[in-house]
Protein backbone atom coordinates (compact mmCIF):
# COMPACT_ATOMS: atom_id res chain seq x y z
CA UNK A 1 6.70 -19.81 -24.41
CA UNK A 2 4.57 -17.63 -22.16
CA UNK A 3 0.84 -17.70 -23.01
CA UNK A 4 -1.48 -14.75 -23.55
CA UNK A 5 -2.93 -15.09 -20.05
CA UNK A 6 0.51 -14.75 -18.49
CA UNK A 7 1.37 -11.82 -20.75
CA UNK A 8 -1.80 -10.08 -19.59
CA UNK A 9 -0.94 -10.95 -16.01
CA UNK A 10 2.50 -9.30 -16.28
CA UNK A 11 1.01 -6.04 -17.49
CA UNK A 12 -1.75 -6.16 -14.89
CA UNK A 13 0.87 -6.87 -12.26
CA UNK A 14 2.68 -3.68 -13.21
CA UNK A 15 -0.60 -1.82 -12.89
CA UNK A 16 -1.24 -3.54 -9.53
CA UNK A 17 2.12 -2.30 -8.25
CA UNK A 18 1.17 1.20 -9.32
CA UNK A 19 -2.28 0.72 -7.77
CA UNK A 20 -0.63 0.20 -4.39
CA UNK A 21 0.55 3.81 -4.62
CA UNK A 22 -2.96 5.21 -4.25
CA UNK A 23 -5.22 5.86 -1.28
CA UNK A 24 -8.27 5.67 -3.57
CA UNK A 25 -8.91 1.99 -4.27
CA UNK A 26 -12.22 1.85 -6.08
CA UNK A 27 -12.31 -0.50 -9.07
CA UNK A 28 -9.89 -3.44 -9.28
CA UNK A 29 -9.74 -4.42 -12.98
CA UNK A 30 -8.82 -8.10 -12.74
CA UNK A 31 -12.15 -9.54 -11.61
CA UNK A 32 -15.29 -10.11 -13.67
CA UNK A 33 -18.67 -10.45 -12.02
CA UNK A 34 -20.55 -13.78 -12.15
CA UNK A 35 -22.87 -15.70 -9.83
CA UNK A 36 -19.99 -16.71 -7.59
CA UNK A 37 -18.74 -13.13 -7.49
CA UNK A 38 -22.25 -11.86 -6.67
CA UNK A 39 -22.34 -14.09 -3.59
CA UNK A 40 -18.85 -12.96 -2.66
CA UNK A 41 -19.93 -9.35 -3.20
CA UNK A 42 -22.82 -9.77 -0.75
CA UNK A 43 -20.54 -11.33 1.85
CA UNK A 44 -18.05 -8.50 1.38
CA UNK A 45 -20.79 -5.87 1.72
CA UNK A 46 -21.82 -7.45 5.04
CA UNK A 47 -18.20 -7.42 6.22
CA UNK A 48 -17.89 -3.73 5.29
CA UNK A 49 -21.19 -2.98 7.06
CA UNK A 50 -20.03 -4.77 10.23
CA UNK A 51 -16.73 -2.91 10.11
CA UNK A 52 -18.50 0.43 9.70
CA UNK A 53 -20.68 -0.43 12.72
CA UNK A 54 -17.56 -1.19 14.78
CA UNK A 55 -16.06 2.15 13.74
CA UNK A 56 -19.27 3.95 14.74
CA UNK A 57 -19.28 2.22 18.14
CA UNK A 58 -15.64 3.18 18.65
CA UNK A 59 -16.44 6.80 17.80
CA UNK A 60 -19.41 6.75 20.18
CA UNK A 61 -17.14 5.44 22.93
CA UNK A 62 -14.68 8.27 22.30
CA UNK A 63 -17.51 10.78 22.42
CA UNK A 64 -18.63 9.23 25.71
CA UNK A 65 -15.17 9.88 27.16
CA UNK A 66 -15.14 13.44 25.90
CA UNK A 67 -16.65 15.05 29.00
CA UNK A 68 -14.43 13.07 31.37
CA UNK A 69 -11.33 14.16 29.49
CA UNK A 70 -12.45 17.77 29.47
CA UNK A 71 -12.72 17.77 33.28
CA UNK A 72 -8.98 17.13 33.62
CA UNK A 73 -7.41 20.57 33.41
CA UNK A 74 -3.87 19.32 34.16
CA UNK A 75 -3.37 18.14 30.57
CA UNK A 76 -4.08 20.40 27.55
CA UNK A 77 -6.84 19.21 25.24
CA UNK A 78 -6.76 19.36 21.44
CA UNK A 79 -10.03 19.20 19.49
CA UNK A 80 -9.93 17.49 16.08
CA UNK A 81 -12.89 16.42 13.97
CA UNK A 82 -15.23 16.88 16.94
CA UNK A 83 -13.19 14.39 18.96
CA UNK A 84 -10.97 15.10 21.93
CA UNK A 85 -7.42 13.77 22.20
CA UNK A 86 -5.00 14.68 24.96
CA UNK A 87 -2.11 16.74 23.60
CA UNK A 88 0.35 14.40 25.34
CA UNK A 89 -1.21 11.45 23.52
CA UNK A 90 -0.97 13.33 20.25
CA UNK A 91 2.73 14.00 20.83
CA UNK A 92 3.20 10.31 21.59
CA UNK A 93 1.45 9.36 18.34
CA UNK A 94 3.59 11.73 16.26
CA UNK A 95 6.71 10.27 17.88
CA UNK A 96 5.53 6.72 17.15
CA UNK A 97 4.94 7.60 13.49
CA UNK A 98 8.40 9.09 13.04
CA UNK A 99 10.68 7.08 15.35
CA UNK A 100 11.22 4.06 13.11
CA UNK A 101 10.37 5.62 9.76
CA UNK A 102 12.89 4.32 7.24
CA UNK A 103 14.95 7.19 5.83
CA UNK A 104 17.16 6.68 2.81
CA UNK A 105 18.65 8.19 -0.34
CA UNK A 106 18.71 5.05 -2.50
CA UNK A 107 17.25 1.59 -2.00
CA UNK A 108 17.46 -1.70 -3.87
CA UNK A 109 16.06 -5.16 -3.18
CA UNK A 110 15.35 -8.60 -4.61
CA UNK A 111 12.13 -10.32 -3.59
CA UNK A 112 10.02 -13.41 -4.19
CA UNK A 113 6.37 -12.63 -4.88
CA UNK A 114 3.10 -14.52 -4.90
CA UNK A 115 0.12 -12.84 -6.56
CA UNK A 116 -3.43 -14.08 -6.16
CA UNK A 117 -6.86 -12.94 -7.31
CA UNK A 118 -10.13 -14.69 -8.10
CA UNK A 119 -8.76 -15.60 -11.54
CA UNK A 120 -4.97 -15.67 -11.16
CA UNK A 121 -2.29 -17.34 -9.05
CA UNK A 122 1.30 -16.57 -10.00
CA UNK A 123 4.78 -16.86 -8.50
CA UNK A 124 7.55 -14.59 -9.72
CA UNK A 125 10.43 -12.46 -8.55
CA UNK A 126 10.98 -8.73 -8.68
CA UNK A 127 13.89 -6.33 -8.35
CA UNK A 128 13.29 -2.79 -7.13
CA UNK A 129 15.70 0.13 -7.28
CA UNK A 130 14.68 3.53 -5.92
CA UNK A 131 16.15 6.97 -5.67
CA UNK A 132 13.95 8.79 -3.20
CA UNK A 133 11.49 11.27 -4.74
CA UNK A 134 13.04 10.68 -8.16
CA UNK A 135 12.71 7.21 -9.72
CA UNK A 136 11.39 3.69 -9.13
CA UNK A 137 12.91 0.98 -11.33
CA UNK A 138 11.29 -2.47 -11.39
CA UNK A 139 12.15 -5.73 -13.14
CA UNK A 140 9.62 -8.60 -13.08
CA UNK A 141 11.00 -12.09 -13.71
CA UNK A 142 9.25 -15.43 -14.27
CA UNK A 143 10.76 -18.83 -13.44
CA UNK A 144 12.85 -20.29 -16.31
CA UNK A 145 11.80 -17.51 -18.71
CA UNK A 146 13.68 -14.68 -17.03
CA UNK A 147 12.77 -11.01 -17.29
CA UNK A 148 9.28 -10.38 -18.62
CA UNK A 149 8.61 -6.74 -17.80
CA UNK A 150 10.90 -3.83 -16.97
CA UNK A 151 9.50 -0.48 -15.86
CA UNK A 152 10.68 2.96 -14.85
CA UNK A 153 8.29 5.05 -12.76
CA UNK A 154 8.99 8.73 -12.14
CA UNK A 155 6.87 11.54 -10.68
CA UNK A 156 5.90 12.43 -14.28
CA UNK A 157 5.43 9.18 -16.21
CA UNK A 158 5.51 5.38 -16.35
CA UNK A 159 7.53 3.55 -19.01
CA UNK A 160 7.58 -0.20 -19.51
CA UNK A 161 8.76 -2.88 -21.95
CA UNK A 162 7.41 -6.39 -22.36
CA UNK A 163 10.20 -8.71 -23.50
CA UNK A 164 8.29 -11.69 -24.92
CA UNK A 165 6.13 -9.79 -27.39
CA UNK A 166 8.58 -6.92 -27.89
CA UNK A 167 6.13 -4.21 -26.90
CA UNK A 168 6.70 -0.90 -25.15
CA UNK A 169 4.38 1.29 -23.09
CA UNK A 170 4.49 4.97 -22.19
CA UNK A 171 1.90 6.39 -19.82
CA UNK A 172 1.30 9.71 -18.18
CA UNK A 173 -0.35 9.58 -14.76
CA UNK A 174 -3.53 10.80 -16.42
CA UNK A 175 -3.39 7.78 -18.76
CA UNK A 176 -2.93 5.40 -15.84
CA UNK A 177 -5.78 7.04 -13.96
CA UNK A 178 -8.09 6.47 -16.95
CA UNK A 179 -6.89 2.89 -17.28
CA UNK A 180 -7.39 1.77 -13.68
CA UNK A 181 -9.78 4.49 -12.47
CA UNK A 182 -7.68 5.60 -9.49
CA UNK A 183 -5.44 8.51 -8.65
CA UNK A 184 -1.77 7.48 -8.73
CA UNK A 185 0.61 8.90 -6.15
CA UNK A 186 4.37 8.44 -6.69
CA UNK A 187 5.30 9.36 -3.13
CA UNK A 188 2.85 6.87 -1.59
CA UNK A 189 4.10 4.13 -3.92
CA UNK A 190 7.73 4.55 -2.88
CA UNK A 191 6.76 4.57 0.81
CA UNK A 192 4.86 1.31 0.36
CA UNK A 193 7.80 -0.37 -1.35
CA UNK A 194 10.14 0.72 1.45
CA UNK A 195 7.74 -0.27 4.24
CA UNK A 196 6.77 3.10 5.72
CA UNK A 197 3.34 4.18 6.92
CA UNK A 198 1.11 6.02 4.45
CA UNK A 199 -2.01 8.20 4.78
CA UNK A 200 -0.83 9.93 7.97
CA UNK A 201 -1.83 13.50 7.09
CA UNK A 202 -5.27 13.40 8.73
CA UNK A 203 -6.40 13.97 12.32
CA UNK A 204 -5.82 11.60 15.23
CA UNK A 205 -9.15 10.19 16.40
CA UNK A 206 -8.10 7.30 18.65
CA UNK A 207 -4.87 6.34 20.41
CA UNK A 208 -4.73 3.32 22.69
CA UNK A 209 -2.35 0.66 23.98
CA UNK A 210 -3.38 -3.00 23.76
CA UNK A 211 -0.86 -5.20 25.50
CA UNK A 212 2.39 -5.14 23.51
CA UNK A 213 0.82 -3.06 20.73
CA UNK A 214 -0.11 0.59 20.16
CA UNK A 215 -3.01 1.48 17.87
CA UNK A 216 -3.26 4.90 16.22
CA UNK A 217 -6.33 5.83 14.19
CA UNK A 218 -6.08 8.69 11.69
CA UNK A 219 -9.07 10.10 9.82
CA UNK A 220 -8.68 11.95 6.54
CA UNK A 221 -11.15 13.50 4.14
CA UNK A 222 -12.33 10.18 2.68
CA UNK A 223 -10.41 7.55 4.62
CA UNK A 224 -9.79 6.04 8.02
CA UNK A 225 -6.34 4.58 8.67
CA UNK A 226 -5.49 2.33 11.62
CA UNK A 227 -1.78 1.83 12.31
CA UNK A 228 -0.58 -0.85 14.71
CA UNK A 229 2.91 -0.56 16.20
CA UNK A 230 4.95 -2.90 18.39
CA UNK A 231 5.69 -0.96 21.58
CA UNK A 232 8.99 -2.72 22.28
CA UNK A 233 10.78 -1.34 19.21
CA UNK A 234 8.21 1.05 17.62
CA UNK A 235 8.09 -0.98 14.40
CA UNK A 236 5.00 -0.82 12.18
CA UNK A 237 3.16 -4.13 12.42
CA UNK A 238 -0.01 -3.53 10.43
CA UNK A 239 -1.76 -0.84 8.42
CA UNK A 240 -5.46 -0.94 7.63
CA UNK A 241 -6.68 1.79 5.33
CA UNK A 242 -10.42 2.07 4.75
CA UNK A 243 -11.79 4.44 2.12
CA UNK A 244 -15.37 5.65 2.32
CA UNK A 245 -17.17 7.23 -0.61
CA UNK A 246 -20.85 7.55 -1.57
CA UNK A 247 -20.45 5.10 -4.46
CA UNK A 248 -18.16 2.52 -2.89
CA UNK A 249 -15.96 1.45 0.00
CA UNK A 250 -12.68 -0.42 -0.15
CA UNK A 251 -9.69 -1.25 2.00
CA UNK A 252 -5.97 -1.88 1.93
CA UNK A 253 -4.53 -4.17 4.59
CA UNK A 254 -0.75 -4.45 4.95
CA UNK A 255 1.04 -6.77 7.36
CA UNK A 256 4.80 -6.30 7.95
CA UNK A 257 6.88 -9.00 9.64
CA UNK A 258 10.37 -10.41 10.16
CA UNK A 259 12.08 -7.16 11.06
CA UNK A 260 15.86 -7.19 11.05
CA UNK A 261 18.74 -4.73 10.85
CA UNK A 262 19.68 -3.72 7.31
CA UNK A 263 22.33 -1.01 7.04
CA UNK A 264 21.45 0.12 10.60
CA UNK A 265 17.73 0.29 9.83
CA UNK A 266 14.98 -1.91 11.27
CA UNK A 267 13.48 -3.31 8.09
CA UNK A 268 10.53 -5.69 7.43
CA UNK A 269 11.61 -8.53 5.13
CA UNK A 270 8.15 -10.06 4.83
CA UNK A 271 5.04 -8.18 3.72
CA UNK A 272 1.50 -9.00 2.66
CA UNK A 273 -0.67 -6.55 0.72
CA UNK A 274 -4.44 -7.07 0.41
CA UNK A 275 -6.89 -4.93 -1.54
CA UNK A 276 -10.59 -5.58 -1.00
CA UNK A 277 -13.78 -4.03 -2.34
CA UNK A 278 -17.24 -5.25 -3.35
CA UNK A 279 -15.81 -6.64 -6.61
CA UNK A 280 -13.39 -9.00 -4.91
CA UNK A 281 -9.89 -9.25 -3.50
CA UNK A 282 -6.27 -9.04 -4.62
CA UNK A 283 -3.37 -10.34 -2.55
CA UNK A 284 0.37 -9.89 -2.99
CA UNK A 285 2.87 -11.67 -0.71
CA UNK A 286 6.43 -10.34 -0.72
CA UNK A 287 9.52 -11.99 0.76
CA UNK A 288 12.64 -9.84 0.45
CA UNK A 289 15.84 -11.83 0.03
CA UNK A 290 18.30 -8.96 -0.11
CA UNK A 291 18.03 -5.23 0.55
CA UNK A 292 20.58 -2.39 0.55
CA UNK A 293 20.39 1.31 1.34
CA UNK A 294 22.35 4.31 0.09
CA UNK A 295 24.59 2.37 -2.32
CA UNK A 296 25.42 3.42 -5.86
CA UNK A 297 22.48 2.34 -8.03
CA UNK A 298 21.84 2.54 -11.76
CA UNK A 299 18.50 2.36 -13.55
CA UNK A 300 19.09 0.82 -17.00
CA UNK A 301 16.15 1.24 -19.34
CA UNK A 302 16.25 1.20 -23.12
CA UNK A 303 13.42 0.63 -25.58
CA UNK A 304 14.81 -1.39 -28.54
CA UNK A 305 13.92 -0.07 -31.96
CA UNK A 306 12.15 -3.34 -32.81
CA UNK A 307 9.66 -2.90 -29.94
CA UNK A 308 6.21 -1.64 -30.95
CA UNK A 309 4.78 1.21 -28.89
CA UNK A 310 1.28 0.33 -27.65
CA UNK A 311 -1.44 2.96 -27.87
């Protein structure tokens, strides 16, 4: 029999998966504040401050190169956000972003997961099925017990059933936003599940090569996103998304590893997702056992009559 803590975990896990689909990480809901958390909060604030200082130094360095770049008339210059980036570098960055982007019609996978927060450590498995821009189907399974939660996420709503207690849930995106205090983005969520880069609509502010890696920094309205690619095959190695708001700062760090060919696509079988803000940290490790693209996929979801709809 699964206990109340695990039941709560399963529902919070579903919310955590949805949380990954947002660029606005501001209030993780799993962590309560106590003396230990206060100390952790102070350490985290110092880390954020040091990171902000590094970003400022990097921007100052770019500004220092501005005049030197402007003297070279042989290469066109593009001005963005008061920074100067060579147009050839910008073209290179766009190419890097698109070259190994995973394109698909349908996608399905099975994966082992490890979830960890200040209060929880859980191992489980998950099945994803996606039709691009249409539906995300997820089934969360616990060892021995079997399926605990099944969910269907569309651009309009989120539906879920909890097997053990025979409960059902129906949320609009407005409901989810009130529940977890973030904006939920269906498109970003599906890109994260596939393994594509997110938050790439801003302006390029830094492009550099460091050994076997290429770093591209993109600045949006309230975020800075650093993408690290492997030059040899143009695969995305790491994404570090830092939000900056007057009230709070937070970050999403994603590491993607063990690339291999799946249906003629270079695909990362191992991922790690980390969310951090002054309240604490959440970590989700994902090891994909099997993945398929563009196969016939169904999305079975039925709410039994005996299940009670939760308000």
